Amino acid sequence: MPEIESSARVIVLLTIAGYLGVMLFVGFLAARFSSASLTHYFLGGRKMKDWVVALSAVASGRSAWLVVGVSGMAYARGLSAIWALPGYVLVELFMFWFVGVRLRRFSAMSDDITVPDYLESRFRDTTHILRIASVVLFFLFVAPYLAAQFSAGGKAFASSIGVSPVWGVTITALIVLVYTVLGGFLGVSLTDVLQALLMIIGLLVLPIVCVYNAGGVGEVLHALQAQDAALVDPLSLGLGALIGFLGIGLGSPGNPHILVRYMSIENPDRLRRSALYGTLWNVLMGWGAIWIGLAGRTFIPENILPGGDTEYIFPALAAQFFPPVLLGLMIAAILAAIMSTADSQILIVASGVTRDIIQKLTAWGKRLSERSLVALSRWVVVLLVLVGLLASLLAELEVLPKDKVFWLVLFAWSGLGASFGPAVIISLYWRRMTVWGAFAGIVTGAVVTVLWKSIPAIKNLISDNIPALKGLTYELVPAFILACIAIWTVSLLTRPKPEAVRDREKLTADAN
């Protein structure tokens, strides 16, 4: 990987600084609007336009997992990495077209700001068990998600301009902190639009340049064939891995930072237009990430990448092919992928603390004004970023276990998707579903995800006779299926509240 001269490094840094300055400026512009109420701070006042929702959902949903993770996986696995794409593309098209429309209408009718808000309203849950369980799981699964984003920022800086991963992680976290604290959901959504455009440019320009310099698509595939025939075999990954990759899309219905995008749109009928925008951008960005990894093998041997980590391939290629200004834009594209998800995740957990716990469950919170709650939310955001930064720094210093961005994000994506996806979808279409059915589905999805992922460690502690479930397929697939079964079974064994059924029928009639 080429060394960058000091003069070029200054240009790169100035380009990145310009991009970060724009992000901060947007945060300042959105600050006044976001201070009006919790609905404004966490949901943009339900005033988002269709194209903003589309770009924001795509940018926050893909994160560093796509730019850093998928490109690194394509470098390591070859063409079989394409199976990571169709699952989430098709499921998100379904979510925009059907589920999102209904969720937006139902949540607005009940004045719900968060996913726990919606679940509690839908089932008339006076025990608050769904709200409490939801917030606990937010903390459990969003923490590794956030740490993975900051870690990816460290990789971007380290592999492109020689800044240490520790400083890269710190800079990433602090920038996210400032514009998220100030701008809230509006600031996050507007910066997501800019970040999505930058991601699209980066994931289209870099692979085109690399493939062109390699001599074309045929030459890239020929070079991969010469290295290892499995690299050009899209079915080389095995049935279990194939099912797991296709099942990645099952995470979209349950990840709250995507669901709130549907809830925020001004006109729910426009979500189907958003679906077309979002699907096009998902396909273009996904293929771009794949070809970055494939073409990268023809230029950069794995032993040249820092620590042999294939997730450095995007910034390493950018440093090899582009002059300083364009390199700065490519690094900004990685930062865009990171920040567009990190800011959304932070807001989700902050809303869980402020709205779902303090305002809804404490007498003190009920007495606070809307502006006071927004101010409190901003302090919660500060605390969350500092905790995520500390965890990322400890991982970089190898005090805590360090995992690859791709797999760390997939675990968090799985936990959230399996916990909330079945509950949200089924609740929107089956009036017989009960609060205890929802609780059973949420808990089942979370428990199966953790156990499926943890079986190898349990096996080493207890008995070698325990099957290594993790190797069979991605944990999201069995967790999602079992959560659906739990919802159906427990709902049939319990009775829905009559008032919840009446509400559901009224909402359905009004929505249709």
Protein backbone atom coordinates (compact mmCIF):
# COMPACT_ATOMS: atom_id res chain seq x y z
CA MET A 1 0.00 0.00 0.00
CA PRO A 2 1.55 3.30 -1.05
CA GLU A 3 2.81 5.82 1.46
CA ILE A 4 1.26 9.27 1.24
CA GLU A 5 3.57 12.25 1.13
CA SER A 6 3.13 14.90 3.79
CA SER A 7 1.91 17.54 1.31
CA ALA A 8 -0.65 15.13 -0.15
CA ARG A 9 -1.73 14.14 3.35
CA VAL A 10 -2.51 17.78 4.13
CA ILE A 11 -4.74 18.00 1.03
CA VAL A 12 -6.53 14.79 2.01
CA LEU A 13 -7.08 16.06 5.52
CA LEU A 14 -8.40 19.41 4.27
CA THR A 15 -10.85 17.63 1.96
CA ILE A 16 -12.08 15.43 4.79
CA ALA A 17 -12.26 18.47 7.07
CA GLY A 18 -14.42 20.25 4.50
CA TYR A 19 -16.82 17.32 4.40
CA LEU A 20 -16.98 17.15 8.19
CA GLY A 21 -17.53 20.90 8.33
CA VAL A 22 -20.60 20.53 6.11
CA MET A 23 -21.96 17.88 8.47
CA LEU A 24 -21.53 20.19 11.43
CA PHE A 25 -23.11 23.10 9.55
CA VAL A 26 -26.21 21.01 8.80
CA GLY A 27 -26.42 20.08 12.48
CA PHE A 28 -26.34 23.75 13.47
CA LEU A 29 -29.04 24.62 10.93
CA ALA A 30 -31.35 21.89 12.24
CA ALA A 31 -30.78 22.67 15.92
CA ARG A 32 -33.62 25.17 16.35
CA PHE A 33 -36.23 23.00 14.62
CA SER A 34 -35.20 19.92 16.61
CA SER A 35 -35.51 21.72 19.94
CA ALA A 36 -39.27 22.24 19.66
CA SER A 37 -40.37 18.83 21.02
CA LEU A 38 -39.45 15.17 21.30
CA THR A 39 -41.40 14.49 18.10
CA HIS A 40 -39.21 17.03 16.33
CA TYR A 41 -35.98 15.80 17.93
CA PHE A 42 -36.55 12.05 17.40
CA LEU A 43 -38.87 11.98 14.35
CA GLY A 44 -38.34 15.25 12.49
CA GLY A 45 -41.90 16.32 13.26
CA ARG A 46 -43.12 13.71 10.73
CA LYS A 47 -42.25 16.21 7.99
CA MET A 48 -39.69 14.23 5.97
CA LYS A 49 -39.97 14.13 2.16
CA ASP A 50 -39.98 10.87 0.20
CA TRP A 51 -36.50 11.25 -1.29
CA VAL A 52 -35.05 12.20 2.11
CA VAL A 53 -36.59 9.09 3.67
CA ALA A 54 -35.30 6.89 0.84
CA LEU A 55 -31.72 8.15 0.97
CA SER A 56 -31.67 8.30 4.75
CA ALA A 57 -33.01 4.75 5.14
CA VAL A 58 -30.52 3.36 2.64
CA ALA A 59 -27.55 5.22 4.11
CA SER A 60 -28.33 4.37 7.74
CA GLY A 61 -29.21 0.77 6.90
CA ARG A 62 -26.04 -0.02 4.96
CA SER A 63 -23.43 1.59 7.22
CA ALA A 64 -19.76 0.60 7.27
CA TRP A 65 -21.01 -2.96 6.81
CA LEU A 66 -21.39 -2.31 3.08
CA VAL A 67 -18.46 -0.02 2.29
CA VAL A 68 -15.88 -1.67 4.54
CA GLY A 69 -17.41 -5.06 5.37
CA VAL A 70 -18.90 -6.31 2.09
CA SER A 71 -15.96 -5.08 0.01
CA GLY A 72 -13.63 -6.88 2.43
CA MET A 73 -15.71 -10.04 2.24
CA ALA A 74 -15.71 -9.94 -1.57
CA TYR A 75 -11.93 -9.61 -1.45
CA ALA A 76 -11.71 -12.66 0.81
CA ARG A 77 -14.45 -14.87 -0.68
CA GLY A 78 -14.82 -13.75 -4.29
CA LEU A 79 -18.09 -13.88 -6.24
CA SER A 80 -19.93 -15.81 -3.54
CA ALA A 81 -20.18 -12.50 -1.67
CA ILE A 82 -22.97 -11.43 -4.06
CA TRP A 83 -25.47 -13.42 -1.98
CA ALA A 84 -25.17 -10.80 0.77
CA LEU A 85 -27.08 -8.37 -1.48
CA PRO A 86 -30.46 -9.73 -2.75
CA GLY A 87 -31.92 -10.48 0.68
CA TYR A 88 -31.84 -6.95 2.05
CA VAL A 89 -32.67 -5.34 -1.31
CA LEU A 90 -35.90 -7.34 -1.70
CA VAL A 91 -36.96 -7.15 1.95
CA GLU A 92 -36.48 -3.38 2.09
CA LEU A 93 -38.51 -3.01 -1.11
CA PHE A 94 -41.29 -4.95 0.65
CA MET A 95 -40.95 -2.81 3.78
CA PHE A 96 -41.20 0.47 1.87
CA TRP A 97 -44.10 -0.73 -0.27
CA PHE A 98 -46.30 -2.40 2.34
CA VAL A 99 -45.19 -2.47 5.99
CA GLY A 100 -43.80 1.06 6.15
CA VAL A 101 -47.03 2.62 4.85
CA ARG A 102 -49.13 0.89 7.48
CA LEU A 103 -46.64 1.57 10.30
CA ARG A 104 -46.55 5.29 9.44
CA ARG A 105 -50.36 5.56 9.55
CA PHE A 106 -50.81 3.55 12.73
CA SER A 107 -48.01 5.32 14.63
CA ALA A 108 -49.28 8.78 13.66
CA MET A 109 -52.83 7.97 14.79
CA SER A 110 -51.53 7.06 18.25
CA ASP A 111 -48.87 9.82 18.30
CA ASP A 112 -46.13 7.21 18.66
CA ILE A 113 -42.55 8.48 18.37
CA THR A 114 -40.58 5.28 18.93
CA VAL A 115 -40.97 1.58 18.13
CA PRO A 116 -41.68 0.77 21.83
CA ASP A 117 -44.33 3.53 21.70
CA TYR A 118 -46.03 1.78 18.82
CA LEU A 119 -45.91 -1.67 20.43
CA GLU A 120 -47.35 -0.39 23.70
CA SER A 121 -50.13 1.52 21.92
CA ARG A 122 -50.96 -1.38 19.64
CA PHE A 123 -51.54 -3.83 22.52
CA ARG A 124 -52.75 -1.37 25.21
CA ASP A 125 -49.87 -2.66 27.32
CA THR A 126 -50.43 -1.15 30.77
CA THR A 127 -47.69 -3.36 32.26
CA HIS A 128 -45.07 -1.57 30.11
CA ILE A 129 -43.33 -4.91 29.64
CA LEU A 130 -42.87 -4.40 25.89
CA ARG A 131 -41.39 -0.94 26.39
CA ILE A 132 -38.92 -2.11 29.05
CA ALA A 133 -37.88 -5.21 27.11
CA SER A 134 -37.35 -3.12 23.97
CA VAL A 135 -35.07 -0.61 25.67
CA VAL A 136 -33.00 -3.36 27.29
CA LEU A 137 -32.46 -4.98 23.89
CA PHE A 138 -31.58 -1.64 22.32
CA PHE A 139 -28.67 -1.38 24.74
CA LEU A 140 -27.64 -5.01 24.20
CA PHE A 141 -27.49 -4.93 20.42
CA VAL A 142 -26.87 -1.29 19.52
CA ALA A 143 -23.65 -1.14 21.57
CA PRO A 144 -21.69 -3.52 19.29
CA TYR A 145 -23.28 -1.87 16.23
CA LEU A 146 -22.04 1.54 17.33
CA ALA A 147 -18.59 0.25 18.28
CA ALA A 148 -18.28 -1.36 14.83
CA GLN A 149 -18.99 1.98 13.13
CA PHE A 150 -16.34 3.82 15.13
CA SER A 151 -13.89 0.98 14.49
CA ALA A 152 -14.48 1.32 10.75
CA GLY A 153 -13.67 5.03 11.04
CA GLY A 154 -10.34 4.13 12.60
CA LYS A 155 -9.59 1.77 9.70
CA ALA A 156 -10.46 4.44 7.14
CA PHE A 157 -8.03 6.95 8.61
CA ALA A 158 -5.28 4.41 9.34
CA SER A 159 -5.15 2.86 5.88
CA SER A 160 -5.46 6.05 3.85
CA ILE A 161 -3.50 8.83 5.52
CA GLY A 162 -1.51 7.07 8.20
CA VAL A 163 -3.46 8.38 11.19
CA SER A 164 -3.53 5.80 13.98
CA PRO A 165 -6.78 3.84 14.38
CA VAL A 166 -7.13 5.28 17.89
CA TRP A 167 -7.18 8.84 16.55
CA GLY A 168 -9.44 7.80 13.68
CA VAL A 169 -11.98 6.32 16.09
CA THR A 170 -11.86 9.44 18.25
CA ILE A 171 -12.34 11.90 15.38
CA THR A 172 -15.24 9.88 13.98
CA ALA A 173 -17.03 9.74 17.32
CA LEU A 174 -16.63 13.42 18.12
CA ILE A 175 -17.97 14.60 14.76
CA VAL A 176 -21.01 12.33 15.08
CA LEU A 177 -21.51 13.61 18.60
CA VAL A 178 -21.68 17.29 17.65
CA TYR A 179 -24.17 17.19 14.76
CA THR A 180 -26.36 14.53 16.39
CA VAL A 181 -26.61 16.46 19.65
CA LEU A 182 -27.53 19.64 17.80
CA GLY A 183 -29.65 18.52 14.88
CA GLY A 184 -31.55 15.51 16.20
CA PHE A 185 -33.50 13.47 13.65
CA LEU A 186 -33.75 16.30 11.12
CA GLY A 187 -30.02 16.95 11.26
CA VAL A 188 -29.31 13.23 11.03
CA SER A 189 -31.66 12.75 8.07
CA LEU A 190 -30.31 15.73 6.13
CA THR A 191 -26.71 14.69 6.70
CA ASP A 192 -27.74 11.16 5.70
CA VAL A 193 -28.85 12.51 2.32
CA LEU A 194 -25.45 14.06 1.72
CA GLN A 195 -23.73 10.96 3.05
CA ALA A 196 -25.81 8.66 0.84
CA LEU A 197 -24.86 10.65 -2.25
CA LEU A 198 -21.21 10.47 -1.26
CA MET A 199 -21.47 6.71 -0.63
CA ILE A 200 -23.06 6.21 -4.06
CA ILE A 201 -20.29 8.21 -5.76
CA GLY A 202 -17.57 6.33 -3.89
CA LEU A 203 -19.09 2.92 -4.56
CA LEU A 204 -19.49 3.69 -8.28
CA VAL A 205 -16.32 5.62 -9.11
CA LEU A 206 -13.74 3.47 -7.30
CA PRO A 207 -14.80 0.08 -8.76
CA ILE A 208 -15.05 1.54 -12.28
CA VAL A 209 -11.52 2.95 -12.01
CA CYS A 210 -10.16 -0.31 -10.58
CA VAL A 211 -11.82 -2.56 -13.17
CA TYR A 212 -10.70 -0.27 -15.98
CA ASN A 213 -7.08 -0.33 -14.78
CA ALA A 214 -7.24 -4.10 -14.42
CA GLY A 215 -8.18 -4.42 -18.09
CA GLY A 216 -11.93 -4.95 -17.76
CA VAL A 217 -14.33 -7.34 -16.07
CA GLY A 218 -12.98 -10.35 -17.97
CA GLU A 219 -9.42 -9.68 -16.88
CA VAL A 220 -10.48 -9.31 -13.25
CA LEU A 221 -12.30 -12.64 -13.33
CA HIS A 222 -9.39 -14.30 -15.15
CA ALA A 223 -6.97 -13.03 -12.49
CA LEU A 224 -9.22 -14.37 -9.73
CA GLN A 225 -9.48 -17.73 -11.51
CA ALA A 226 -5.70 -17.93 -11.62
CA GLN A 227 -5.47 -17.28 -7.88
CA ASP A 228 -8.20 -19.70 -6.82
CA ALA A 229 -11.06 -21.20 -8.84
CA ALA A 230 -13.40 -20.86 -5.84
CA LEU A 231 -13.14 -17.06 -6.12
CA VAL A 232 -15.17 -17.05 -9.34
CA ASP A 233 -17.69 -19.65 -8.19
CA PRO A 234 -20.77 -17.89 -6.74
CA LEU A 235 -21.93 -21.15 -5.12
CA SER A 236 -18.65 -21.96 -3.37
CA LEU A 237 -19.90 -20.86 0.06
CA GLY A 238 -22.19 -23.86 0.82
CA LEU A 239 -25.94 -24.16 1.43
CA GLY A 240 -25.93 -22.98 5.05
CA ALA A 241 -23.92 -19.87 4.27
CA LEU A 242 -26.09 -19.21 1.19
CA ILE A 243 -29.27 -19.31 3.29
CA GLY A 244 -27.61 -17.12 5.90
CA PHE A 245 -26.54 -14.50 3.36
CA LEU A 246 -30.00 -14.38 1.80
CA GLY A 247 -31.45 -14.10 5.30
CA ILE A 248 -29.53 -10.89 5.99
CA GLY A 249 -32.55 -8.99 4.70
CA LEU A 250 -34.68 -10.26 7.59
CA GLY A 251 -32.94 -7.71 9.80
CA SER A 252 -34.50 -4.71 8.05
CA PRO A 253 -38.03 -5.13 9.51
CA GLY A 254 -36.72 -5.03 13.07
CA ASN A 255 -33.94 -2.47 13.10
CA PRO A 256 -35.48 0.60 14.77
CA HIS A 257 -33.23 3.11 13.01
CA ILE A 258 -34.82 2.00 9.71
CA LEU A 259 -38.38 1.69 11.04
CA VAL A 260 -38.42 5.28 12.30
CA ARG A 261 -37.66 6.45 8.75
CA TYR A 262 -41.03 5.12 7.65
CA MET A 263 -42.68 6.75 10.68
CA SER A 264 -41.13 10.13 9.83
CA ILE A 265 -42.39 10.64 6.27
CA GLU A 266 -44.85 13.51 5.73
CA ASN A 267 -47.13 11.60 3.35
CA PRO A 268 -47.26 7.79 3.80
CA ASP A 269 -48.54 7.33 0.24
CA ARG A 270 -45.15 8.60 -0.97
CA LEU A 271 -43.32 5.67 0.63
CA ARG A 272 -43.85 3.65 -2.53
CA ARG A 273 -41.98 6.28 -4.47
CA SER A 274 -39.27 6.07 -1.82
CA ALA A 275 -39.17 2.32 -2.47
CA LEU A 276 -38.10 2.87 -6.07
CA TYR A 277 -35.36 5.32 -5.12
CA GLY A 278 -34.11 3.15 -2.28
CA THR A 279 -34.03 -0.07 -4.33
CA LEU A 280 -32.05 1.52 -7.15
CA TRP A 281 -29.47 2.92 -4.74
CA ASN A 282 -29.25 -0.36 -2.82
CA VAL A 283 -28.46 -2.28 -6.00
CA LEU A 284 -25.88 0.20 -7.29
CA MET A 285 -24.06 0.48 -3.98
CA GLY A 286 -24.10 -3.27 -3.35
CA TRP A 287 -22.56 -4.14 -6.69
CA GLY A 288 -20.00 -1.39 -6.26
CA ALA A 289 -18.83 -2.85 -2.96
CA ILE A 290 -18.57 -6.32 -4.52
CA TRP A 291 -16.44 -5.13 -7.42
CA ILE A 292 -14.16 -3.15 -5.14
CA GLY A 293 -13.34 -6.39 -3.35
CA LEU A 294 -12.97 -8.45 -6.53
CA ALA A 295 -10.79 -5.92 -8.36
CA GLY A 296 -8.81 -5.28 -5.20
CA ARG A 297 -7.31 -8.78 -5.32
CA THR A 298 -5.68 -7.97 -8.64
CA PHE A 299 -3.81 -4.98 -7.22
CA ILE A 300 -3.15 -5.46 -3.50
CA PRO A 301 -2.00 -8.77 -1.95
CA GLU A 302 -3.55 -9.62 1.40
CA ASN A 303 -0.20 -9.50 3.19
CA ILE A 304 0.14 -5.82 2.21
CA LEU A 305 -3.07 -4.83 3.99
CA PRO A 306 -2.60 -3.70 7.62
CA GLY A 307 -2.64 -6.84 9.74
CA GLY A 308 -3.84 -8.81 6.73
CA ASP A 309 -7.32 -7.38 7.38
CA THR A 310 -9.33 -7.49 4.14
CA GLU A 311 -11.67 -4.77 5.39
CA TYR A 312 -8.94 -2.23 4.61
CA ILE A 313 -9.32 -2.83 0.86
CA PHE A 314 -11.56 0.17 0.04
CA PRO A 315 -9.28 2.87 1.52
CA ALA A 316 -6.17 1.02 0.34
CA LEU A 317 -7.38 1.03 -3.28
CA ALA A 318 -8.42 4.66 -3.03
CA ALA A 319 -4.94 5.58 -1.78
CA GLN A 320 -3.37 3.72 -4.71
CA PHE A 321 -5.44 5.18 -7.56
CA PHE A 322 -6.60 8.65 -6.62
CA PRO A 323 -4.93 12.05 -6.19
CA PRO A 324 -5.25 13.66 -2.75
CA VAL A 325 -8.54 15.51 -3.30
CA LEU A 326 -10.32 12.45 -4.68
CA LEU A 327 -8.75 10.28 -2.01
CA GLY A 328 -10.16 12.66 0.57
CA LEU A 329 -13.61 12.25 -0.99
CA MET A 330 -13.28 8.45 -0.94
CA ILE A 331 -12.36 8.50 2.74
CA ALA A 332 -15.30 10.83 3.28
CA ALA A 333 -17.50 8.19 1.61
CA ILE A 334 -16.40 5.66 4.21
CA LEU A 335 -17.00 8.16 6.98
CA ALA A 336 -20.43 8.87 5.45
CA ALA A 337 -21.33 5.18 5.68
CA ILE A 338 -20.16 5.06 9.27
CA MET A 339 -21.76 8.27 10.48
CA SER A 340 -25.09 7.72 8.73
CA THR A 341 -25.66 4.63 10.85
CA ALA A 342 -23.91 5.66 14.05
CA ASP A 343 -25.97 8.84 14.42
CA SER A 344 -29.23 6.94 13.87
CA GLN A 345 -28.30 4.24 16.37
CA ILE A 346 -27.43 6.86 18.97
CA LEU A 347 -30.81 8.55 18.53
CA ILE A 348 -32.61 5.21 18.90
CA VAL A 349 -31.01 4.46 22.26
CA ALA A 350 -31.39 8.08 23.39
CA SER A 351 -35.11 7.94 22.59
CA GLY A 352 -35.31 4.71 24.56
CA VAL A 353 -33.84 6.44 27.61
CA THR A 354 -35.64 9.78 27.37
CA ARG A 355 -39.00 8.92 25.82
CA ASP A 356 -39.54 5.27 26.74
CA ILE A 357 -38.09 5.27 30.26
CA ILE A 358 -37.91 8.79 31.72
CA GLN A 359 -40.99 10.41 30.16
CA LYS A 360 -43.28 7.37 30.09
CA LEU A 361 -42.30 5.47 33.22
CA THR A 362 -41.27 8.08 35.81
CA ALA A 363 -43.32 10.72 37.59
CA TRP A 364 -40.41 13.17 37.28
CA GLY A 365 -40.25 12.71 33.50
CA LYS A 366 -43.98 13.29 33.09
CA ARG A 367 -43.59 16.75 34.68
CA LEU A 368 -40.81 17.90 32.36
CA SER A 369 -41.61 20.21 29.46
CA GLU A 370 -40.93 19.14 25.88
CA ARG A 371 -37.95 21.47 25.61
CA SER A 372 -36.52 20.15 28.88
CA LEU A 373 -36.86 16.60 27.56
CA VAL A 374 -35.03 17.58 24.37
CA ALA A 375 -32.24 19.10 26.44
CA LEU A 376 -32.07 15.91 28.50
CA SER A 377 -31.98 13.86 25.30
CA ARG A 378 -28.94 15.79 24.15
CA TRP A 379 -27.07 14.91 27.34
CA VAL A 380 -28.04 11.27 26.86
CA VAL A 381 -26.57 11.42 23.35
CA VAL A 382 -23.31 12.79 24.77
CA LEU A 383 -23.11 9.95 27.28
CA LEU A 384 -23.87 7.28 24.67
CA VAL A 385 -21.20 8.53 22.29
CA LEU A 386 -18.61 8.62 25.05
CA VAL A 387 -19.46 5.06 26.09
CA GLY A 388 -19.28 3.85 22.47
CA LEU A 389 -16.00 5.70 21.98
CA LEU A 390 -14.53 4.14 25.11
CA ALA A 391 -15.54 0.63 23.99
CA SER A 392 -14.04 1.20 20.53
CA LEU A 393 -10.80 2.54 21.96
CA LEU A 394 -10.47 -0.41 24.33
CA ALA A 395 -11.00 -2.74 21.37
CA GLU A 396 -8.35 -0.93 19.32
CA LEU A 397 -5.94 -1.23 22.26
CA GLU A 398 -6.91 -4.94 22.50
CA VAL A 399 -8.23 -4.58 26.04
CA LEU A 400 -11.63 -5.81 24.79
CA PRO A 401 -12.16 -8.48 22.10
CA LYS A 402 -11.89 -7.05 18.59
CA ASP A 403 -13.99 -8.44 15.76
CA LYS A 404 -14.33 -7.58 12.11
CA VAL A 405 -16.86 -4.89 11.19
CA PHE A 406 -18.77 -7.24 8.87
CA TRP A 407 -19.48 -9.91 11.47
CA LEU A 408 -19.91 -7.54 14.42
CA VAL A 409 -22.58 -5.57 12.56
CA LEU A 410 -24.30 -8.76 11.40
CA PHE A 411 -24.66 -9.90 15.01
CA ALA A 412 -26.28 -6.64 16.09
CA TRP A 413 -28.37 -6.53 12.91
CA SER A 414 -29.55 -10.07 13.64
CA GLY A 415 -30.44 -9.38 17.26
CA LEU A 416 -32.54 -6.32 16.44
CA GLY A 417 -34.09 -7.87 13.34
CA ALA A 418 -35.14 -11.11 15.03
CA SER A 419 -36.38 -9.36 18.18
CA PHE A 420 -38.56 -6.67 16.60
CA GLY A 421 -39.11 -7.66 12.97
CA PRO A 422 -41.66 -10.46 13.54
CA ALA A 423 -43.43 -8.47 16.28
CA VAL A 424 -43.81 -5.34 14.15
CA ILE A 425 -44.89 -7.07 10.92
CA ILE A 426 -47.35 -9.50 12.50
CA SER A 427 -48.85 -6.81 14.75
CA LEU A 428 -49.69 -4.75 11.68
CA TYR A 429 -51.60 -7.55 9.96
CA TRP A 430 -52.97 -9.99 12.60
CA ARG A 431 -55.54 -8.59 15.03
CA ARG A 432 -55.49 -11.79 17.16
CA MET A 433 -51.90 -11.13 18.26
CA THR A 434 -51.58 -10.42 21.99
CA VAL A 435 -49.19 -8.49 24.16
CA TRP A 436 -47.76 -11.74 25.53
CA GLY A 437 -47.33 -13.06 22.02
CA ALA A 438 -45.36 -9.92 21.16
CA PHE A 439 -43.25 -10.29 24.31
CA ALA A 440 -42.57 -13.96 23.55
CA GLY A 441 -41.48 -13.10 20.02
CA ILE A 442 -39.17 -10.28 21.16
CA VAL A 443 -37.51 -12.42 23.82
CA THR A 444 -37.25 -15.50 21.60
CA GLY A 445 -35.59 -13.56 18.80
CA ALA A 446 -33.01 -12.09 21.18
CA VAL A 447 -32.27 -15.31 23.07
CA VAL A 448 -31.91 -17.47 19.96
CA THR A 449 -29.59 -14.88 18.38
CA VAL A 450 -27.30 -14.80 21.41
CA LEU A 451 -27.30 -18.57 21.96
CA TRP A 452 -26.74 -19.38 18.29
CA LYS A 453 -23.80 -17.01 18.21
CA SER A 454 -22.43 -18.18 21.58
CA ILE A 455 -22.67 -21.96 21.15
CA PRO A 456 -18.94 -22.36 20.28
CA ALA A 457 -17.96 -20.72 23.59
CA ILE A 458 -20.53 -22.77 25.52
CA LYS A 459 -19.31 -25.90 23.78
CA ASN A 460 -15.75 -25.29 24.96
CA LEU A 461 -16.93 -24.74 28.54
CA ILE A 462 -19.42 -27.60 28.88
CA SER A 463 -19.19 -30.40 26.36
CA ASP A 464 -17.84 -31.17 22.91
CA ASN A 465 -21.11 -32.96 22.18
CA ILE A 466 -22.96 -29.65 21.78
CA PRO A 467 -23.45 -28.99 18.04
CA ALA A 468 -21.70 -25.92 16.63
CA LEU A 469 -24.88 -24.17 15.44
CA LYS A 470 -23.01 -21.06 14.38
CA GLY A 471 -21.46 -22.97 11.49
CA LEU A 472 -24.81 -24.09 10.10
CA THR A 473 -26.19 -20.72 9.04
CA TYR A 474 -26.46 -17.06 10.05
CA GLU A 475 -28.21 -16.74 13.41
CA LEU A 476 -30.84 -14.29 12.11
CA VAL A 477 -32.60 -16.97 10.04
CA PRO A 478 -33.48 -19.44 12.84
CA ALA A 479 -34.04 -16.59 15.32
CA PHE A 480 -36.54 -14.85 13.03
CA ILE A 481 -38.44 -18.08 12.29
CA LEU A 482 -38.62 -19.14 15.94
CA ALA A 483 -39.74 -15.66 16.98
CA CYS A 484 -42.66 -15.89 14.51
CA ILE A 485 -43.60 -19.30 15.90
CA ALA A 486 -43.44 -17.96 19.47
CA ILE A 487 -45.72 -15.04 18.60
CA TRP A 488 -48.28 -17.30 16.92
CA THR A 489 -48.25 -19.94 19.67
CA VAL A 490 -48.42 -17.63 22.69
CA SER A 491 -51.03 -15.38 21.05
CA LEU A 492 -53.31 -18.38 20.54
CA LEU A 493 -52.81 -19.39 24.18
CA THR A 494 -53.65 -15.93 25.53
CA ARG A 495 -56.46 -13.45 24.97
CA PRO A 496 -56.04 -10.04 23.37
CA LYS A 497 -57.49 -7.09 25.22
CA PRO A 498 -60.91 -6.19 23.75
CA GLU A 499 -59.96 -2.52 23.60
CA ALA A 500 -56.76 -3.42 21.69
CA VAL A 501 -58.82 -5.36 19.14
CA ARG A 502 -61.22 -2.44 18.74
CA ASP A 503 -58.33 -0.03 18.34
CA ARG A 504 -56.76 -2.33 15.77
CA GLU A 505 -59.98 -2.55 13.75
CA LYS A 506 -60.49 1.22 13.85
CA LEU A 507 -56.91 1.92 12.85
CA THR A 508 -57.19 -0.56 9.99
CA ALA A 509 -60.40 1.01 8.74
CA ASP A 510 -58.97 4.53 8.97
CA ALA A 511 -55.67 3.51 7.38
CA ASN A 512 -57.39 1.86 4.45
